[in-house]
Amino acid sequence: MRVIVASTNPVKIDSTKQALETMFPDEDFKVEGQNPGIDLPSQPMSDGETKRCAIARVKALAAKVPDADMWVAIEGGVDFSNDAVTDEKQMDCSAWIVIEDKDGRWGEARTATCPLPKAVTDLILTGMELGHANDQVFNMSNSKHDQGMTGIATHGLIDRTDFYEHALIFALVPFKNPDIYFAE
């Protein structure tokens, strides 16, 4: 089965492959990444915008590579929530996973959220992308192709691949259970 991920980021490609192999252990997958070739915000700034960007990536990729069996988008974004104790605004990061297969069926899921430190939030509010803000605050290089904010915050307990893989599994649930989810 040929699966195209709407990114060339190895973390997104690897997490997609791992989730597919976990959900469908008897299938063979060729997972590759491609840029969908559309202009979207480099840093979605709300949950809704993040989901819309993931949907747009899948649609553009399906049009660009129509002979694939499945297209996957993993779109990270940020949004504000209220701190549970102080009720003050807090920025969190999360990602939307959107999947379409060659039969036009869709699956989607959202990751958990990870609270961002104020120094990272401040840089994002100046227009900086989360990965670049992490690199600056934590004195790292290219963290978005490695552990990402979740790995930094959890000291490696939940790296970016793990963060995406669980949501990918949930987005694949309809494809694992087509009689329940895609019944007419």
N, C-alpha and C. Protein backbone atom coordinates (compact mmCIF):
# COMPACT_ATOMS: atom_id res chain seq x y z
N MET A 1 0.85 -1.17 0.00
CA MET A 1 0.00 0.00 0.00
C MET A 1 0.89 1.24 0.00
N ARG A 2 0.67 2.12 -0.93
CA ARG A 2 1.46 3.35 -1.04
C ARG A 2 0.76 4.47 -0.26
N VAL A 3 1.46 5.01 0.71
CA VAL A 3 0.93 6.06 1.57
C VAL A 3 1.84 7.28 1.43
N ILE A 4 1.23 8.42 1.17
CA ILE A 4 1.98 9.66 1.01
C ILE A 4 1.65 10.58 2.19
N VAL A 5 2.70 11.05 2.85
CA VAL A 5 2.56 11.98 3.97
C VAL A 5 2.84 13.39 3.44
N ALA A 6 2.04 14.33 3.84
CA ALA A 6 2.14 15.71 3.35
C ALA A 6 3.26 16.47 4.05
N SER A 7 4.45 15.89 4.02
CA SER A 7 5.61 16.51 4.64
C SER A 7 6.84 15.68 4.28
N THR A 8 7.98 16.33 4.28
CA THR A 8 9.24 15.59 4.13
C THR A 8 9.94 15.42 5.47
N ASN A 9 9.29 15.84 6.54
CA ASN A 9 9.85 15.73 7.89
C ASN A 9 9.90 14.24 8.28
N PRO A 10 11.10 13.72 8.57
CA PRO A 10 11.22 12.29 8.90
C PRO A 10 10.39 11.87 10.11
N VAL A 11 10.18 12.76 11.06
CA VAL A 11 9.37 12.42 12.23
C VAL A 11 7.94 12.10 11.80
N LYS A 12 7.38 12.89 10.91
CA LYS A 12 6.00 12.67 10.46
C LYS A 12 5.91 11.40 9.61
N ILE A 13 6.90 11.15 8.80
CA ILE A 13 6.91 9.94 7.97
C ILE A 13 7.05 8.69 8.84
N ASP A 14 7.99 8.72 9.78
CA ASP A 14 8.21 7.57 10.66
C ASP A 14 7.01 7.28 11.56
N SER A 15 6.41 8.31 12.12
CA SER A 15 5.25 8.08 13.00
C SER A 15 4.08 7.52 12.20
N THR A 16 3.91 7.96 10.96
CA THR A 16 2.84 7.42 10.11
C THR A 16 3.09 5.94 9.83
N LYS A 17 4.32 5.60 9.48
CA LYS A 17 4.66 4.20 9.20
C LYS A 17 4.44 3.33 10.43
N GLN A 18 4.87 3.79 11.59
CA GLN A 18 4.71 3.03 12.82
C GLN A 18 3.23 2.82 13.15
N ALA A 19 2.42 3.85 12.99
CA ALA A 19 0.99 3.73 13.29
C ALA A 19 0.31 2.76 12.32
N LEU A 20 0.63 2.86 11.05
CA LEU A 20 0.06 1.95 10.06
C LEU A 20 0.44 0.50 10.36
N GLU A 21 1.70 0.26 10.67
CA GLU A 21 2.15 -1.10 10.97
C GLU A 21 1.55 -1.64 12.26
N THR A 22 1.28 -0.75 13.21
CA THR A 22 0.63 -1.17 14.45
C THR A 22 -0.83 -1.55 14.19
N MET A 23 -1.53 -0.73 13.43
CA MET A 23 -2.95 -0.98 13.16
C MET A 23 -3.18 -2.10 12.16
N PHE A 24 -2.29 -2.25 11.20
CA PHE A 24 -2.46 -3.23 10.13
C PHE A 24 -1.19 -4.08 9.99
N PRO A 25 -0.91 -4.94 10.97
CA PRO A 25 0.36 -5.67 10.98
C PRO A 25 0.54 -6.64 9.81
N ASP A 26 -0.54 -7.02 9.14
CA ASP A 26 -0.43 -7.96 8.02
C ASP A 26 -0.29 -7.27 6.67
N GLU A 27 -0.28 -5.95 6.65
CA GLU A 27 -0.16 -5.19 5.41
C GLU A 27 1.29 -4.74 5.21
N ASP A 28 1.65 -4.52 3.97
CA ASP A 28 2.94 -3.93 3.63
C ASP A 28 2.72 -2.49 3.20
N PHE A 29 3.49 -1.58 3.75
CA PHE A 29 3.33 -0.16 3.45
C PHE A 29 4.61 0.42 2.89
N LYS A 30 4.44 1.24 1.87
CA LYS A 30 5.52 2.09 1.38
C LYS A 30 5.09 3.51 1.73
N VAL A 31 5.73 4.08 2.74
CA VAL A 31 5.36 5.41 3.22
C VAL A 31 6.43 6.40 2.76
N GLU A 32 5.99 7.44 2.08
CA GLU A 32 6.92 8.46 1.60
C GLU A 32 6.34 9.84 1.88
N GLY A 33 7.21 10.80 1.97
CA GLY A 33 6.78 12.17 2.22
C GLY A 33 6.95 13.03 0.99
N GLN A 34 6.00 13.93 0.81
CA GLN A 34 6.07 14.91 -0.28
C GLN A 34 5.48 16.22 0.21
N ASN A 35 6.02 17.29 -0.31
CA ASN A 35 5.45 18.60 -0.06
C ASN A 35 4.20 18.73 -0.93
N PRO A 36 3.05 19.06 -0.34
CA PRO A 36 1.83 19.15 -1.14
C PRO A 36 1.81 20.34 -2.10
N GLY A 37 2.74 21.26 -1.94
CA GLY A 37 2.86 22.36 -2.89
C GLY A 37 1.78 23.42 -2.77
N ILE A 38 1.31 23.66 -1.56
CA ILE A 38 0.33 24.73 -1.37
C ILE A 38 0.86 25.71 -0.33
N ASP A 39 0.36 26.93 -0.40
CA ASP A 39 0.81 27.98 0.50
C ASP A 39 -0.13 28.03 1.71
N LEU A 40 0.38 27.64 2.86
CA LEU A 40 -0.39 27.66 4.10
C LEU A 40 0.43 28.38 5.16
N PRO A 41 -0.22 28.82 6.24
CA PRO A 41 0.55 29.47 7.31
C PRO A 41 1.61 28.51 7.86
N SER A 42 2.81 29.03 8.12
CA SER A 42 3.85 28.18 8.68
C SER A 42 3.55 27.83 10.14
N GLN A 43 2.73 28.65 10.80
CA GLN A 43 2.36 28.38 12.18
C GLN A 43 0.87 28.64 12.38
N PRO A 44 0.03 27.62 12.24
CA PRO A 44 -1.40 27.82 12.52
C PRO A 44 -1.59 28.28 13.97
N MET A 45 -2.45 29.27 14.15
CA MET A 45 -2.59 29.92 15.45
C MET A 45 -3.90 29.62 16.18
N SER A 46 -4.62 28.60 15.74
CA SER A 46 -5.81 28.17 16.47
C SER A 46 -6.07 26.71 16.12
N ASP A 47 -6.86 26.06 16.94
CA ASP A 47 -7.21 24.66 16.69
C ASP A 47 -7.94 24.52 15.36
N GLY A 48 -8.86 25.43 15.09
CA GLY A 48 -9.61 25.38 13.83
C GLY A 48 -8.72 25.59 12.62
N GLU A 49 -7.80 26.55 12.71
CA GLU A 49 -6.88 26.79 11.59
C GLU A 49 -5.96 25.59 11.37
N THR A 50 -5.54 24.97 12.43
CA THR A 50 -4.67 23.79 12.33
C THR A 50 -5.39 22.67 11.59
N LYS A 51 -6.64 22.42 11.94
CA LYS A 51 -7.42 21.36 11.28
C LYS A 51 -7.67 21.71 9.81
N ARG A 52 -8.02 22.96 9.53
CA ARG A 52 -8.24 23.38 8.14
C ARG A 52 -6.98 23.20 7.29
N CYS A 53 -5.82 23.50 7.87
CA CYS A 53 -4.56 23.33 7.14
C CYS A 53 -4.29 21.85 6.87
N ALA A 54 -4.59 20.98 7.83
CA ALA A 54 -4.39 19.54 7.62
C ALA A 54 -5.29 19.03 6.50
N ILE A 55 -6.53 19.46 6.49
CA ILE A 55 -7.47 19.06 5.43
C ILE A 55 -6.97 19.56 4.07
N ALA A 56 -6.54 20.81 4.03
CA ALA A 56 -6.04 21.38 2.77
C ALA A 56 -4.81 20.62 2.27
N ARG A 57 -3.94 20.22 3.17
CA ARG A 57 -2.75 19.46 2.77
C ARG A 57 -3.14 18.11 2.17
N VAL A 58 -4.08 17.41 2.80
CA VAL A 58 -4.52 16.11 2.27
C VAL A 58 -5.15 16.27 0.89
N LYS A 59 -6.02 17.25 0.74
CA LYS A 59 -6.68 17.46 -0.56
C LYS A 59 -5.67 17.80 -1.64
N ALA A 60 -4.72 18.67 -1.33
CA ALA A 60 -3.71 19.05 -2.32
C ALA A 60 -2.81 17.87 -2.67
N LEU A 61 -2.46 17.07 -1.69
CA LEU A 61 -1.61 15.92 -1.93
C LEU A 61 -2.33 14.86 -2.76
N ALA A 62 -3.61 14.63 -2.49
CA ALA A 62 -4.39 13.66 -3.27
C ALA A 62 -4.48 14.10 -4.73
N ALA A 63 -4.58 15.40 -4.97
CA ALA A 63 -4.62 15.91 -6.34
C ALA A 63 -3.25 15.80 -7.01
N LYS A 64 -2.19 15.99 -6.24
CA LYS A 64 -0.83 15.97 -6.77
C LYS A 64 -0.34 14.54 -7.06
N VAL A 65 -0.73 13.59 -6.18
CA VAL A 65 -0.27 12.20 -6.30
C VAL A 65 -1.50 11.28 -6.30
N PRO A 66 -2.29 11.31 -7.38
CA PRO A 66 -3.58 10.59 -7.36
C PRO A 66 -3.47 9.07 -7.36
N ASP A 67 -2.29 8.52 -7.65
CA ASP A 67 -2.16 7.06 -7.71
C ASP A 67 -1.80 6.42 -6.37
N ALA A 68 -1.75 7.19 -5.29
CA ALA A 68 -1.48 6.62 -3.96
C ALA A 68 -2.73 5.93 -3.42
N ASP A 69 -2.54 5.14 -2.38
CA ASP A 69 -3.66 4.46 -1.73
C ASP A 69 -4.21 5.27 -0.56
N MET A 70 -3.34 6.11 0.02
CA MET A 70 -3.76 6.89 1.19
C MET A 70 -2.87 8.12 1.29
N TRP A 71 -3.47 9.21 1.77
CA TRP A 71 -2.75 10.47 1.98
C TRP A 71 -2.93 10.88 3.43
N VAL A 72 -1.87 11.36 4.04
CA VAL A 72 -1.87 11.69 5.47
C VAL A 72 -1.30 13.08 5.67
N ALA A 73 -1.97 13.87 6.49
CA ALA A 73 -1.43 15.17 6.90
C ALA A 73 -1.35 15.20 8.42
N ILE A 74 -0.23 15.69 8.89
CA ILE A 74 -0.01 15.92 10.32
C ILE A 74 0.32 17.39 10.45
N GLU A 75 -0.60 18.14 10.99
CA GLU A 75 -0.43 19.60 11.05
C GLU A 75 -0.36 20.05 12.50
N GLY A 76 0.79 20.59 12.89
CA GLY A 76 0.95 21.12 14.24
C GLY A 76 0.51 22.56 14.31
N GLY A 77 -0.05 22.92 15.43
CA GLY A 77 -0.50 24.28 15.63
C GLY A 77 -0.48 24.65 17.10
N VAL A 78 -0.83 25.88 17.37
CA VAL A 78 -0.91 26.38 18.75
C VAL A 78 -2.27 27.03 18.95
N ASP A 79 -2.66 27.11 20.20
CA ASP A 79 -3.92 27.76 20.54
C ASP A 79 -3.85 28.16 22.01
N PHE A 80 -4.70 29.07 22.39
CA PHE A 80 -4.76 29.48 23.79
C PHE A 80 -5.83 28.69 24.53
N SER A 81 -5.55 28.40 25.78
CA SER A 81 -6.52 27.83 26.69
C SER A 81 -6.42 28.60 28.00
N ASN A 82 -7.29 28.30 28.92
CA ASN A 82 -7.21 28.93 30.23
C ASN A 82 -6.56 27.98 31.21
N ASP A 83 -5.58 28.47 31.95
CA ASP A 83 -4.93 27.67 32.97
C ASP A 83 -5.98 27.22 33.98
N ALA A 84 -5.96 25.95 34.35
CA ALA A 84 -6.98 25.37 35.23
C ALA A 84 -6.98 26.01 36.61
N VAL A 85 -5.84 26.46 37.09
CA VAL A 85 -5.76 27.01 38.44
C VAL A 85 -5.94 28.52 38.44
N THR A 86 -5.18 29.21 37.60
CA THR A 86 -5.20 30.67 37.63
C THR A 86 -6.21 31.29 36.68
N ASP A 87 -6.73 30.50 35.74
CA ASP A 87 -7.65 30.95 34.70
C ASP A 87 -7.01 31.97 33.75
N GLU A 88 -5.68 32.09 33.81
CA GLU A 88 -4.98 32.97 32.88
C GLU A 88 -4.79 32.26 31.55
N LYS A 89 -4.64 33.04 30.50
CA LYS A 89 -4.42 32.49 29.16
C LYS A 89 -3.08 31.77 29.12
N GLN A 90 -3.09 30.60 28.48
CA GLN A 90 -1.88 29.80 28.31
C GLN A 90 -1.87 29.26 26.90
N MET A 91 -0.71 29.27 26.23
CA MET A 91 -0.63 28.72 24.89
C MET A 91 -0.22 27.25 24.97
N ASP A 92 -0.89 26.44 24.16
CA ASP A 92 -0.60 25.01 24.08
C ASP A 92 -0.29 24.66 22.63
N CYS A 93 0.46 23.58 22.43
CA CYS A 93 0.64 23.06 21.08
C CYS A 93 -0.07 21.72 20.97
N SER A 94 -0.51 21.41 19.77
CA SER A 94 -1.15 20.13 19.47
C SER A 94 -1.05 19.95 17.96
N ALA A 95 -1.60 18.85 17.47
CA ALA A 95 -1.59 18.61 16.03
C ALA A 95 -2.88 17.92 15.62
N TRP A 96 -3.29 18.17 14.40
CA TRP A 96 -4.41 17.46 13.78
C TRP A 96 -3.86 16.47 12.78
N ILE A 97 -4.42 15.29 12.78
CA ILE A 97 -4.11 14.26 11.81
C ILE A 97 -5.33 14.10 10.93
N VAL A 98 -5.16 14.17 9.62
CA VAL A 98 -6.25 13.94 8.68
C VAL A 98 -5.76 12.94 7.64
N ILE A 99 -6.59 11.94 7.38
CA ILE A 99 -6.24 10.86 6.46
C ILE A 99 -7.38 10.68 5.46
N GLU A 100 -7.02 10.52 4.18
CA GLU A 100 -7.99 10.17 3.15
C GLU A 100 -7.45 8.95 2.42
N ASP A 101 -8.35 8.02 2.06
CA ASP A 101 -7.90 6.88 1.26
C ASP A 101 -8.42 7.00 -0.17
N LYS A 102 -7.99 6.09 -1.03
CA LYS A 102 -8.31 6.17 -2.45
C LYS A 102 -9.80 6.02 -2.73
N ASP A 103 -10.58 5.54 -1.76
CA ASP A 103 -12.03 5.43 -1.91
C ASP A 103 -12.76 6.68 -1.42
N GLY A 104 -12.01 7.72 -1.05
CA GLY A 104 -12.61 8.97 -0.60
C GLY A 104 -13.08 8.94 0.84
N ARG A 105 -12.63 7.95 1.60
CA ARG A 105 -13.01 7.85 3.01
C ARG A 105 -12.00 8.64 3.86
N TRP A 106 -12.48 9.19 4.97
CA TRP A 106 -11.67 10.07 5.80
C TRP A 106 -11.59 9.57 7.24
N GLY A 107 -10.46 9.85 7.87
CA GLY A 107 -10.28 9.66 9.30
C GLY A 107 -9.56 10.88 9.84
N GLU A 108 -9.83 11.21 11.07
CA GLU A 108 -9.16 12.36 11.67
C GLU A 108 -9.07 12.18 13.17
N ALA A 109 -8.07 12.79 13.75
CA ALA A 109 -7.89 12.78 15.21
C ALA A 109 -6.96 13.93 15.58
N ARG A 110 -7.00 14.27 16.84
CA ARG A 110 -6.16 15.35 17.35
C ARG A 110 -5.27 14.79 18.45
N THR A 111 -4.07 15.28 18.53
CA THR A 111 -3.16 14.87 19.60
C THR A 111 -3.62 15.46 20.93
N ALA A 112 -2.94 15.06 21.96
CA ALA A 112 -3.07 15.74 23.25
C ALA A 112 -2.48 17.14 23.10
N THR A 113 -2.62 17.94 24.10
CA THR A 113 -2.01 19.27 24.08
C THR A 113 -0.81 19.29 25.03
N CYS A 114 0.11 20.17 24.73
CA CYS A 114 1.30 20.35 25.56
C CYS A 114 1.43 21.84 25.85
N PRO A 115 1.44 22.23 27.13
CA PRO A 115 1.57 23.65 27.45
C PRO A 115 2.95 24.18 27.07
N LEU A 116 2.96 25.40 26.58
CA LEU A 116 4.22 26.03 26.17
C LEU A 116 4.69 27.00 27.25
N PRO A 117 6.00 27.06 27.46
CA PRO A 117 6.52 28.05 28.40
C PRO A 117 6.35 29.46 27.84
N LYS A 118 6.29 30.42 28.73
CA LYS A 118 6.04 31.81 28.34
C LYS A 118 7.09 32.30 27.33
N ALA A 119 8.34 31.94 27.49
CA ALA A 119 9.38 32.41 26.57
C ALA A 119 9.11 31.93 25.14
N VAL A 120 8.62 30.70 24.99
CA VAL A 120 8.28 30.16 23.66
C VAL A 120 7.04 30.88 23.14
N THR A 121 6.02 31.02 23.99
CA THR A 121 4.79 31.72 23.60
C THR A 121 5.10 33.12 23.10
N ASP A 122 5.94 33.84 23.83
CA ASP A 122 6.28 35.22 23.45
C ASP A 122 6.89 35.28 22.06
N LEU A 123 7.77 34.33 21.73
CA LEU A 123 8.38 34.30 20.40
C LEU A 123 7.36 33.97 19.31
N ILE A 124 6.46 33.05 19.60
CA ILE A 124 5.42 32.69 18.63
C ILE A 124 4.54 33.91 18.35
N LEU A 125 4.24 34.67 19.38
CA LEU A 125 3.39 35.85 19.20
C LEU A 125 4.08 36.95 18.39
N THR A 126 5.39 36.86 18.21
CA THR A 126 6.09 37.80 17.33
C THR A 126 6.09 37.30 15.89
N GLY A 127 5.55 36.09 15.67
CA GLY A 127 5.49 35.55 14.32
C GLY A 127 6.42 34.38 14.07
N MET A 128 7.13 33.94 15.09
CA MET A 128 8.07 32.83 14.92
C MET A 128 7.33 31.49 14.98
N GLU A 129 7.77 30.54 14.19
CA GLU A 129 7.23 29.19 14.20
C GLU A 129 7.68 28.47 15.48
N LEU A 130 6.83 27.56 15.99
CA LEU A 130 7.12 26.86 17.24
C LEU A 130 8.49 26.20 17.24
N GLY A 131 8.84 25.48 16.19
CA GLY A 131 10.13 24.79 16.15
C GLY A 131 11.31 25.74 16.28
N HIS A 132 11.22 26.89 15.63
CA HIS A 132 12.30 27.88 15.71
C HIS A 132 12.34 28.52 17.10
N ALA A 133 11.15 28.74 17.68
CA ALA A 133 11.10 29.29 19.04
C ALA A 133 11.72 28.31 20.03
N ASN A 134 11.40 27.02 19.89
CA ASN A 134 12.01 26.01 20.76
C ASN A 134 13.53 26.02 20.63
N ASP A 135 14.00 26.06 19.38
CA ASP A 135 15.44 26.07 19.16
C ASP A 135 16.11 27.25 19.86
N GLN A 136 15.47 28.42 19.77
CA GLN A 136 16.06 29.61 20.38
C GLN A 136 16.02 29.53 21.91
N VAL A 137 14.88 29.17 22.46
CA VAL A 137 14.73 29.16 23.93
C VAL A 137 15.57 28.06 24.57
N PHE A 138 15.61 26.90 23.95
CA PHE A 138 16.30 25.76 24.54
C PHE A 138 17.70 25.53 23.96
N ASN A 139 18.19 26.49 23.16
CA ASN A 139 19.52 26.43 22.56
C ASN A 139 19.73 25.11 21.83
N MET A 140 18.82 24.83 20.90
CA MET A 140 18.86 23.60 20.12
C MET A 140 18.94 23.94 18.65
N SER A 141 19.01 22.92 17.82
CA SER A 141 19.02 23.10 16.39
C SER A 141 18.09 22.07 15.75
N ASN A 142 17.13 22.55 14.96
CA ASN A 142 16.23 21.69 14.20
C ASN A 142 15.43 20.71 15.06
N SER A 143 14.95 21.18 16.20
CA SER A 143 14.22 20.30 17.13
C SER A 143 12.94 19.75 16.52
N LYS A 144 12.38 20.44 15.53
CA LYS A 144 11.13 19.94 14.95
C LYS A 144 11.33 18.69 14.10
N HIS A 145 12.56 18.40 13.73
CA HIS A 145 12.87 17.15 13.04
C HIS A 145 13.39 16.10 14.02
N ASP A 146 13.27 16.39 15.31
CA ASP A 146 13.76 15.48 16.33
C ASP A 146 12.67 15.32 17.39
N GLN A 147 12.95 15.71 18.61
CA GLN A 147 12.02 15.44 19.70
C GLN A 147 10.87 16.44 19.82
N GLY A 148 11.02 17.63 19.25
CA GLY A 148 9.96 18.62 19.31
C GLY A 148 9.68 19.09 20.73
N MET A 149 8.67 19.92 20.87
CA MET A 149 8.33 20.48 22.19
C MET A 149 7.96 19.39 23.18
N THR A 150 7.25 18.36 22.71
CA THR A 150 6.81 17.32 23.64
C THR A 150 8.01 16.57 24.22
N GLY A 151 9.01 16.31 23.40
CA GLY A 151 10.21 15.65 23.90
C GLY A 151 11.00 16.53 24.83
N ILE A 152 11.07 17.82 24.50
CA ILE A 152 11.77 18.77 25.36
C ILE A 152 11.07 18.86 26.71
N ALA A 153 9.76 19.05 26.69
CA ALA A 153 8.99 19.25 27.92
C ALA A 153 8.97 18.02 28.81
N THR A 154 8.95 16.83 28.19
CA THR A 154 8.87 15.59 28.98
C THR A 154 10.22 14.95 29.20
N HIS A 155 11.29 15.64 28.80
CA HIS A 155 12.65 15.11 28.92
C HIS A 155 12.77 13.76 28.23
N GLY A 156 12.17 13.69 27.03
CA GLY A 156 12.30 12.50 26.20
C GLY A 156 11.28 11.40 26.46
N LEU A 157 10.40 11.58 27.41
CA LEU A 157 9.40 10.52 27.68
C LEU A 157 8.40 10.37 26.54
N ILE A 158 7.99 11.50 25.96
CA ILE A 158 7.06 11.48 24.82
C ILE A 158 7.66 12.39 23.76
N ASP A 159 8.37 11.77 22.83
CA ASP A 159 8.96 12.59 21.77
C ASP A 159 7.90 12.87 20.70
N ARG A 160 8.31 13.59 19.70
CA ARG A 160 7.37 14.02 18.67
C ARG A 160 6.77 12.84 17.91
N THR A 161 7.55 11.79 17.68
CA THR A 161 7.04 10.60 17.00
C THR A 161 5.94 9.96 17.83
N ASP A 162 6.17 9.77 19.13
CA ASP A 162 5.15 9.20 20.02
C ASP A 162 3.89 10.08 20.04
N PHE A 163 4.10 11.37 20.12
CA PHE A 163 3.01 12.34 20.19
C PHE A 163 2.08 12.18 18.99
N TYR A 164 2.66 12.03 17.80
CA TYR A 164 1.86 11.87 16.59
C TYR A 164 1.29 10.46 16.44
N GLU A 165 2.07 9.46 16.83
CA GLU A 165 1.67 8.07 16.56
C GLU A 165 0.33 7.71 17.19
N HIS A 166 0.11 8.12 18.42
CA HIS A 166 -1.16 7.79 19.07
C HIS A 166 -2.35 8.43 18.36
N ALA A 167 -2.21 9.67 17.96
CA ALA A 167 -3.29 10.33 17.23
C ALA A 167 -3.48 9.70 15.85
N LEU A 168 -2.38 9.30 15.21
CA LEU A 168 -2.50 8.61 13.93
C LEU A 168 -3.28 7.31 14.08
N ILE A 169 -3.03 6.57 15.13
CA ILE A 169 -3.77 5.33 15.38
C ILE A 169 -5.26 5.64 15.50
N PHE A 170 -5.62 6.68 16.24
CA PHE A 170 -7.03 7.04 16.36
C PHE A 170 -7.62 7.49 15.03
N ALA A 171 -6.84 8.20 14.22
CA ALA A 171 -7.33 8.61 12.90
C ALA A 171 -7.52 7.41 11.98
N LEU A 172 -6.80 6.32 12.23
CA LEU A 172 -6.93 5.10 11.43
C LEU A 172 -8.07 4.19 11.89
N VAL A 173 -8.67 4.49 13.03
CA VAL A 173 -9.75 3.64 13.55
C VAL A 173 -10.85 3.40 12.52
N PRO A 174 -11.34 4.41 11.80
CA PRO A 174 -12.39 4.13 10.81
C PRO A 174 -11.94 3.15 9.72
N PHE A 175 -10.67 3.20 9.34
CA PHE A 175 -10.15 2.30 8.31
C PHE A 175 -9.97 0.88 8.84
N LYS A 176 -9.75 0.76 10.14
CA LYS A 176 -9.64 -0.55 10.79
C LYS A 176 -11.02 -1.18 10.97
N ASN A 177 -12.04 -0.34 11.08
CA ASN A 177 -13.41 -0.77 11.34
C ASN A 177 -14.36 -0.22 10.27
N PRO A 178 -14.11 -0.52 8.99
CA PRO A 178 -14.90 0.12 7.93
C PRO A 178 -16.40 -0.22 7.97
N ASP A 179 -16.74 -1.40 8.44
CA ASP A 179 -18.16 -1.78 8.50
C ASP A 179 -18.95 -0.92 9.49
N ILE A 180 -18.27 -0.45 10.50
CA ILE A 180 -18.92 0.39 11.50
C ILE A 180 -18.90 1.86 11.09
N TYR A 181 -17.74 2.34 10.62
CA TYR A 181 -17.57 3.76 10.34
C TYR A 181 -18.00 4.19 8.95
N PHE A 182 -17.90 3.30 7.98
CA PHE A 182 -18.20 3.69 6.60
C PHE A 182 -19.46 3.02 6.06
N ALA A 183 -20.26 2.44 6.94
CA ALA A 183 -21.50 1.78 6.50
C ALA A 183 -22.46 2.82 5.95
N GLU A 184 -23.15 2.45 4.93
CA GLU A 184 -24.10 3.40 4.29
C GLU A 184 -25.46 3.28 4.92
